[in-house]
Amino acid sequence: NFIEQYTSRGLILKEDAILIDEKYL
């Protein structure tokens, strides 16, 4: 949902991180 939402606004996904204690874009 976040990827669809932000890319539809023209933003570019720069990082897709999955860490032990955190997941973030």
PDB file of all heavy atoms in Angstrom:
ATOM      1  N   ASN A   1       0.824  -1.216   0.000  1.00  0.00           N
ATOM      2  CA  ASN A   1       0.000   0.000   0.000  1.00  0.00           C
ATOM      3  C   ASN A   1       0.855   1.261   0.000  1.00  0.00           C
ATOM      4  O   ASN A   1       0.556   2.219  -0.726  1.00  0.00           O
ATOM      5  CB  ASN A   1      -0.956   0.010   1.196  1.00  0.00           C
ATOM      6  CG  ASN A   1      -2.087  -0.982   1.051  1.00  0.00           C
ATOM      7  OD1 ASN A   1      -2.436  -1.377  -0.055  1.00  0.00           O
ATOM      8  ND2 ASN A   1      -2.651  -1.398   2.167  1.00  0.00           N
ATOM      9  N   PHE A   2       1.911   1.282   0.824  1.00  0.00           N
ATOM     10  CA  PHE A   2       2.789   2.454   0.860  1.00  0.00           C
ATOM     11  C   PHE A   2       3.486   2.657  -0.490  1.00  0.00           C
ATOM     12  O   PHE A   2       3.598   3.780  -0.979  1.00  0.00           O
ATOM     13  CB  PHE A   2       3.824   2.341   1.973  1.00  0.00           C
ATOM     14  CG  PHE A   2       3.293   2.626   3.341  1.00  0.00           C
ATOM     15  CD1 PHE A   2       3.543   1.752   4.392  1.00  0.00           C
ATOM     16  CD2 PHE A   2       2.554   3.771   3.605  1.00  0.00           C
ATOM     17  CE1 PHE A   2       3.061   2.017   5.664  1.00  0.00           C
ATOM     18  CE2 PHE A   2       2.065   4.042   4.874  1.00  0.00           C
ATOM     19  CZ  PHE A   2       2.320   3.157   5.910  1.00  0.00           C
ATOM     20  N   ILE A   3       3.945   1.568  -1.080  1.00  0.00           N
ATOM     21  CA  ILE A   3       4.625   1.682  -2.380  1.00  0.00           C
ATOM     22  C   ILE A   3       3.666   2.248  -3.421  1.00  0.00           C
ATOM     23  O   ILE A   3       4.017   3.171  -4.163  1.00  0.00           O
ATOM     24  CB  ILE A   3       5.210   0.318  -2.823  1.00  0.00           C
ATOM     25  CG1 ILE A   3       6.376  -0.063  -1.905  1.00  0.00           C
ATOM     26  CG2 ILE A   3       5.661   0.372  -4.276  1.00  0.00           C
ATOM     27  CD1 ILE A   3       6.912  -1.460  -2.128  1.00  0.00           C
ATOM     28  N   GLU A   4       2.462   1.717  -3.473  1.00  0.00           N
ATOM     29  CA  GLU A   4       1.477   2.224  -4.436  1.00  0.00           C
ATOM     30  C   GLU A   4       1.142   3.688  -4.168  1.00  0.00           C
ATOM     31  O   GLU A   4       1.079   4.504  -5.088  1.00  0.00           O
ATOM     32  CB  GLU A   4       0.205   1.381  -4.382  1.00  0.00           C
ATOM     33  CG  GLU A   4       0.371   0.001  -4.962  1.00  0.00           C
ATOM     34  CD  GLU A   4      -0.868  -0.876  -4.772  1.00  0.00           C
ATOM     35  OE1 GLU A   4      -1.847  -0.421  -4.136  1.00  0.00           O
ATOM     36  OE2 GLU A   4      -0.840  -2.016  -5.254  1.00  0.00           O
ATOM     37  N   GLN A   5       0.947   4.018  -2.908  1.00  0.00           N
ATOM     38  CA  GLN A   5       0.569   5.378  -2.526  1.00  0.00           C
ATOM     39  C   GLN A   5       1.650   6.401  -2.892  1.00  0.00           C
ATOM     40  O   GLN A   5       1.363   7.420  -3.514  1.00  0.00           O
ATOM     41  CB  GLN A   5       0.310   5.417  -1.013  1.00  0.00           C
ATOM     42  CG  GLN A   5      -0.038   6.772  -0.468  1.00  0.00           C
ATOM     43  CD  GLN A   5      -0.192   6.748   1.054  1.00  0.00           C
ATOM     44  OE1 GLN A   5      -0.108   5.710   1.687  1.00  0.00           O
ATOM     45  NE2 GLN A   5      -0.412   7.904   1.627  1.00  0.00           N
ATOM     46  N   TYR A   6       2.882   6.114  -2.515  1.00  0.00           N
ATOM     47  CA  TYR A   6       3.945   7.100  -2.735  1.00  0.00           C
ATOM     48  C   TYR A   6       4.410   7.153  -4.185  1.00  0.00           C
ATOM     49  O   TYR A   6       4.733   8.226  -4.699  1.00  0.00           O
ATOM     50  CB  TYR A   6       5.115   6.842  -1.786  1.00  0.00           C
ATOM     51  CG  TYR A   6       4.813   7.289  -0.375  1.00  0.00           C
ATOM     52  CD1 TYR A   6       4.363   6.393   0.592  1.00  0.00           C
ATOM     53  CD2 TYR A   6       4.956   8.623  -0.008  1.00  0.00           C
ATOM     54  CE1 TYR A   6       4.076   6.806   1.877  1.00  0.00           C
ATOM     55  CE2 TYR A   6       4.672   9.051   1.279  1.00  0.00           C
ATOM     56  CZ  TYR A   6       4.230   8.139   2.219  1.00  0.00           C
ATOM     57  OH  TYR A   6       3.941   8.562   3.490  1.00  0.00           O
ATOM     58  N   THR A   7       4.447   6.005  -4.864  1.00  0.00           N
ATOM     59  CA  THR A   7       4.864   6.045  -6.268  1.00  0.00           C
ATOM     60  C   THR A   7       3.812   6.716  -7.140  1.00  0.00           C
ATOM     61  O   THR A   7       4.145   7.345  -8.140  1.00  0.00           O
ATOM     62  CB  THR A   7       5.188   4.641  -6.810  1.00  0.00           C
ATOM     63  OG1 THR A   7       4.075   3.776  -6.624  1.00  0.00           O
ATOM     64  CG2 THR A   7       6.427   4.062  -6.131  1.00  0.00           C
ATOM     65  N   SER A   8       2.539   6.605  -6.746  1.00  0.00           N
ATOM     66  CA  SER A   8       1.502   7.296  -7.517  1.00  0.00           C
ATOM     67  C   SER A   8       1.628   8.819  -7.384  1.00  0.00           C
ATOM     68  O   SER A   8       1.134   9.561  -8.227  1.00  0.00           O
ATOM     69  CB  SER A   8       0.110   6.848  -7.072  1.00  0.00           C
ATOM     70  OG  SER A   8      -0.188   7.312  -5.772  1.00  0.00           O
ATOM     71  N   ARG A   9       2.305   9.263  -6.332  1.00  0.00           N
ATOM     72  CA  ARG A   9       2.563  10.698  -6.146  1.00  0.00           C
ATOM     73  C   ARG A   9       3.827  11.155  -6.865  1.00  0.00           C
ATOM     74  O   ARG A   9       4.232  12.305  -6.765  1.00  0.00           O
ATOM     75  CB  ARG A   9       2.722  11.025  -4.667  1.00  0.00           C
ATOM     76  CG  ARG A   9       1.496  10.812  -3.846  1.00  0.00           C
ATOM     77  CD  ARG A   9       1.785  11.210  -2.424  1.00  0.00           C
ATOM     78  NE  ARG A   9       0.729  10.778  -1.519  1.00  0.00           N
ATOM     79  CZ  ARG A   9       0.836  10.823  -0.197  1.00  0.00           C
ATOM     80  NH1 ARG A   9       1.930  11.270   0.372  1.00  0.00           N
ATOM     81  NH2 ARG A   9      -0.163  10.418   0.554  1.00  0.00           N
ATOM     82  N   GLY A  10       4.493  10.230  -7.528  1.00  0.00           N
ATOM     83  CA  GLY A  10       5.706  10.574  -8.270  1.00  0.00           C
ATOM     84  C   GLY A  10       6.986  10.364  -7.495  1.00  0.00           C
ATOM     85  O   GLY A  10       8.066  10.698  -7.977  1.00  0.00           O
ATOM     86  N   LEU A  11       6.899   9.797  -6.294  1.00  0.00           N
ATOM     87  CA  LEU A  11       8.107   9.524  -5.518  1.00  0.00           C
ATOM     88  C   LEU A  11       8.738   8.221  -5.994  1.00  0.00           C
ATOM     89  O   LEU A  11       8.060   7.328  -6.501  1.00  0.00           O
ATOM     90  CB  LEU A  11       7.786   9.442  -4.030  1.00  0.00           C
ATOM     91  CG  LEU A  11       7.264  10.728  -3.393  1.00  0.00           C
ATOM     92  CD1 LEU A  11       6.859  10.481  -1.954  1.00  0.00           C
ATOM     93  CD2 LEU A  11       8.298  11.828  -3.463  1.00  0.00           C
ATOM     94  N   ILE A  12      10.024   8.118  -5.813  1.00  0.00           N
ATOM     95  CA  ILE A  12      10.777   6.954  -6.253  1.00  0.00           C
ATOM     96  C   ILE A  12      11.215   6.155  -5.033  1.00  0.00           C
ATOM     97  O   ILE A  12      11.734   6.721  -4.068  1.00  0.00           O
ATOM     98  CB  ILE A  12      12.018   7.393  -7.055  1.00  0.00           C
ATOM     99  CG1 ILE A  12      11.579   8.181  -8.279  1.00  0.00           C
ATOM    100  CG2 ILE A  12      12.871   6.200  -7.439  1.00  0.00           C
ATOM    101  CD1 ILE A  12      12.708   8.953  -8.919  1.00  0.00           C
ATOM    102  N   LEU A  13      10.997   4.848  -5.066  1.00  0.00           N
ATOM    103  CA  LEU A  13      11.436   3.982  -3.976  1.00  0.00           C
ATOM    104  C   LEU A  13      12.954   3.860  -4.038  1.00  0.00           C
ATOM    105  O   LEU A  13      13.508   3.342  -5.007  1.00  0.00           O
ATOM    106  CB  LEU A  13      10.778   2.607  -4.084  1.00  0.00           C
ATOM    107  CG  LEU A  13      11.172   1.588  -3.019  1.00  0.00           C
ATOM    108  CD1 LEU A  13      10.775   2.064  -1.629  1.00  0.00           C
ATOM    109  CD2 LEU A  13      10.535   0.245  -3.327  1.00  0.00           C
ATOM    110  N   LYS A  14      13.627   4.356  -3.017  1.00  0.00           N
ATOM    111  CA  LYS A  14      15.088   4.329  -2.974  1.00  0.00           C
ATOM    112  C   LYS A  14      15.624   3.180  -2.136  1.00  0.00           C
ATOM    113  O   LYS A  14      16.712   2.695  -2.376  1.00  0.00           O
ATOM    114  CB  LYS A  14      15.634   5.643  -2.396  1.00  0.00           C
ATOM    115  CG  LYS A  14      15.428   6.841  -3.264  1.00  0.00           C
ATOM    116  CD  LYS A  14      16.352   6.801  -4.442  1.00  0.00           C
ATOM    117  CE  LYS A  14      16.281   8.102  -5.209  1.00  0.00           C
ATOM    118  NZ  LYS A  14      17.243   8.178  -6.268  1.00  0.00           N
ATOM    119  N   GLU A  15      14.866   2.783  -1.093  1.00  0.00           N
ATOM    120  CA  GLU A  15      15.350   1.740  -0.198  1.00  0.00           C
ATOM    121  C   GLU A  15      14.168   0.942   0.338  1.00  0.00           C
ATOM    122  O   GLU A  15      13.139   1.499   0.694  1.00  0.00           O
ATOM    123  CB  GLU A  15      16.122   2.377   0.961  1.00  0.00           C
ATOM    124  CG  GLU A  15      16.822   1.397   1.849  1.00  0.00           C
ATOM    125  CD  GLU A  15      17.688   2.078   2.905  1.00  0.00           C
ATOM    126  OE1 GLU A  15      17.889   3.305   2.852  1.00  0.00           O
ATOM    127  OE2 GLU A  15      18.151   1.359   3.794  1.00  0.00           O
ATOM    128  N   ASP A  16      14.349  -0.364   0.413  1.00  0.00           N
ATOM    129  CA  ASP A  16      13.350  -1.273   0.956  1.00  0.00           C
ATOM    130  C   ASP A  16      14.095  -2.163   1.944  1.00  0.00           C
ATOM    131  O   ASP A  16      14.734  -3.132   1.558  1.00  0.00           O
ATOM    132  CB  ASP A  16      12.722  -2.085  -0.174  1.00  0.00           C
ATOM    133  CG  ASP A  16      11.583  -2.971   0.288  1.00  0.00           C
ATOM    134  OD1 ASP A  16      11.362  -3.082   1.513  1.00  0.00           O
ATOM    135  OD2 ASP A  16      10.918  -3.556  -0.577  1.00  0.00           O
ATOM    136  N   ALA A  17      14.048  -1.784   3.232  1.00  0.00           N
ATOM    137  CA  ALA A  17      14.872  -2.452   4.237  1.00  0.00           C
ATOM    138  C   ALA A  17      14.049  -3.335   5.151  1.00  0.00           C
ATOM    139  O   ALA A  17      12.969  -2.952   5.603  1.00  0.00           O
ATOM    140  CB  ALA A  17      15.614  -1.413   5.061  1.00  0.00           C
ATOM    141  N   ILE A  18      14.588  -4.523   5.415  1.00  0.00           N
ATOM    142  CA  ILE A  18      14.004  -5.418   6.399  1.00  0.00           C
ATOM    143  C   ILE A  18      15.134  -5.765   7.371  1.00  0.00           C
ATOM    144  O   ILE A  18      16.039  -6.528   7.045  1.00  0.00           O
ATOM    145  CB  ILE A  18      13.438  -6.697   5.751  1.00  0.00           C
ATOM    146  CG1 ILE A  18      12.343  -6.337   4.750  1.00  0.00           C
ATOM    147  CG2 ILE A  18      12.925  -7.643   6.825  1.00  0.00           C
ATOM    148  CD1 ILE A  18      11.802  -7.511   3.966  1.00  0.00           C
ATOM    149  N   LEU A  19      15.061  -5.158   8.547  1.00  0.00           N
ATOM    150  CA  LEU A  19      16.049  -5.380   9.583  1.00  0.00           C
ATOM    151  C   LEU A  19      15.450  -6.246  10.682  1.00  0.00           C
ATOM    152  O   LEU A  19      14.260  -6.568  10.657  1.00  0.00           O
ATOM    153  CB  LEU A  19      16.502  -4.026  10.157  1.00  0.00           C
ATOM    154  CG  LEU A  19      16.973  -2.998   9.115  1.00  0.00           C
ATOM    155  CD1 LEU A  19      17.296  -1.685   9.797  1.00  0.00           C
ATOM    156  CD2 LEU A  19      18.160  -3.517   8.342  1.00  0.00           C
ATOM    157  N   ILE A  20      16.247  -6.606  11.655  1.00  0.00           N
ATOM    158  CA  ILE A  20      15.760  -7.450  12.750  1.00  0.00           C
ATOM    159  C   ILE A  20      14.630  -6.767  13.501  1.00  0.00           C
ATOM    160  O   ILE A  20      13.616  -7.379  13.831  1.00  0.00           O
ATOM    161  CB  ILE A  20      16.915  -7.806  13.710  1.00  0.00           C
ATOM    162  CG1 ILE A  20      17.921  -8.702  12.977  1.00  0.00           C
ATOM    163  CG2 ILE A  20      16.398  -8.494  14.961  1.00  0.00           C
ATOM    164  CD1 ILE A  20      19.190  -8.955  13.752  1.00  0.00           C
ATOM    165  N   ASP A  21      14.796  -5.483  13.785  1.00  0.00           N
ATOM    166  CA  ASP A  21      13.819  -4.779  14.612  1.00  0.00           C
ATOM    167  C   ASP A  21      12.998  -3.727  13.870  1.00  0.00           C
ATOM    168  O   ASP A  21      12.253  -2.973  14.484  1.00  0.00           O
ATOM    169  CB  ASP A  21      14.533  -4.112  15.789  1.00  0.00           C
ATOM    170  CG  ASP A  21      15.594  -3.129  15.335  1.00  0.00           C
ATOM    171  OD1 ASP A  21      15.999  -3.185  14.160  1.00  0.00           O
ATOM    172  OD2 ASP A  21      16.029  -2.301  16.152  1.00  0.00           O
ATOM    173  N   GLU A  22      13.133  -3.685  12.545  1.00  0.00           N
ATOM    174  CA  GLU A  22      12.451  -2.622  11.806  1.00  0.00           C
ATOM    175  C   GLU A  22      12.321  -2.987  10.329  1.00  0.00           C
ATOM    176  O   GLU A  22      13.212  -3.586   9.744  1.00  0.00           O
ATOM    177  CB  GLU A  22      13.270  -1.331  11.952  1.00  0.00           C
ATOM    178  CG  GLU A  22      12.720  -0.128  11.252  1.00  0.00           C
ATOM    179  CD  GLU A  22      13.602   1.110  11.436  1.00  0.00           C
ATOM    180  OE1 GLU A  22      14.834   0.975  11.633  1.00  0.00           O
ATOM    181  OE2 GLU A  22      13.044   2.206  11.350  1.00  0.00           O
ATOM    182  N   LYS A  23      11.192  -2.613   9.748  1.00  0.00           N
ATOM    183  CA  LYS A  23      10.973  -2.716   8.306  1.00  0.00           C
ATOM    184  C   LYS A  23      10.598  -1.325   7.834  1.00  0.00           C
ATOM    185  O   LYS A  23       9.712  -0.695   8.423  1.00  0.00           O
ATOM    186  CB  LYS A  23       9.824  -3.673   7.984  1.00  0.00           C
ATOM    187  CG  LYS A  23      10.060  -5.109   8.370  1.00  0.00           C
ATOM    188  CD  LYS A  23       8.837  -5.937   8.021  1.00  0.00           C
ATOM    189  CE  LYS A  23       8.965  -7.355   8.498  1.00  0.00           C
ATOM    190  NZ  LYS A  23       7.749  -8.133   8.198  1.00  0.00           N
ATOM    191  N   TYR A  24      11.254  -0.851   6.780  1.00  0.00           N
ATOM    192  CA  TYR A  24      10.925   0.491   6.318  1.00  0.00           C
ATOM    193  C   TYR A  24      11.200   0.663   4.833  1.00  0.00           C
ATOM    194  O   TYR A  24      11.949  -0.106   4.227  1.00  0.00           O
ATOM    195  CB  TYR A  24      11.660   1.561   7.126  1.00  0.00           C
ATOM    196  CG  TYR A  24      13.172   1.549   6.963  1.00  0.00           C
ATOM    197  CD1 TYR A  24      13.793   2.284   5.956  1.00  0.00           C
ATOM    198  CD2 TYR A  24      13.972   0.833   7.833  1.00  0.00           C
ATOM    199  CE1 TYR A  24      15.164   2.288   5.814  1.00  0.00           C
ATOM    200  CE2 TYR A  24      15.345   0.832   7.709  1.00  0.00           C
ATOM    201  CZ  TYR A  24      15.944   1.561   6.693  1.00  0.00           C
ATOM    202  OH  TYR A  24      17.305   1.562   6.553  1.00  0.00           O
ATOM    203  N   LEU A  25      10.576   1.686   4.287  1.00  0.00           N
ATOM    204  CA  LEU A  25      10.761   2.090   2.900  1.00  0.00           C
ATOM    205  C   LEU A  25      11.253   3.531   2.907  1.00  0.00           C
ATOM    206  O   LEU A  25      10.845   4.322   3.755  1.00  0.00           O
ATOM    207  CB  LEU A  25       9.434   2.020   2.141  1.00  0.00           C
ATOM    208  CG  LEU A  25       8.710   0.681   2.150  1.00  0.00           C
ATOM    209  CD1 LEU A  25       7.288   0.856   1.645  1.00  0.00           C
ATOM    210  CD2 LEU A  25       9.461  -0.334   1.322  1.00  0.00           C
TER     211      LEU A  25
END
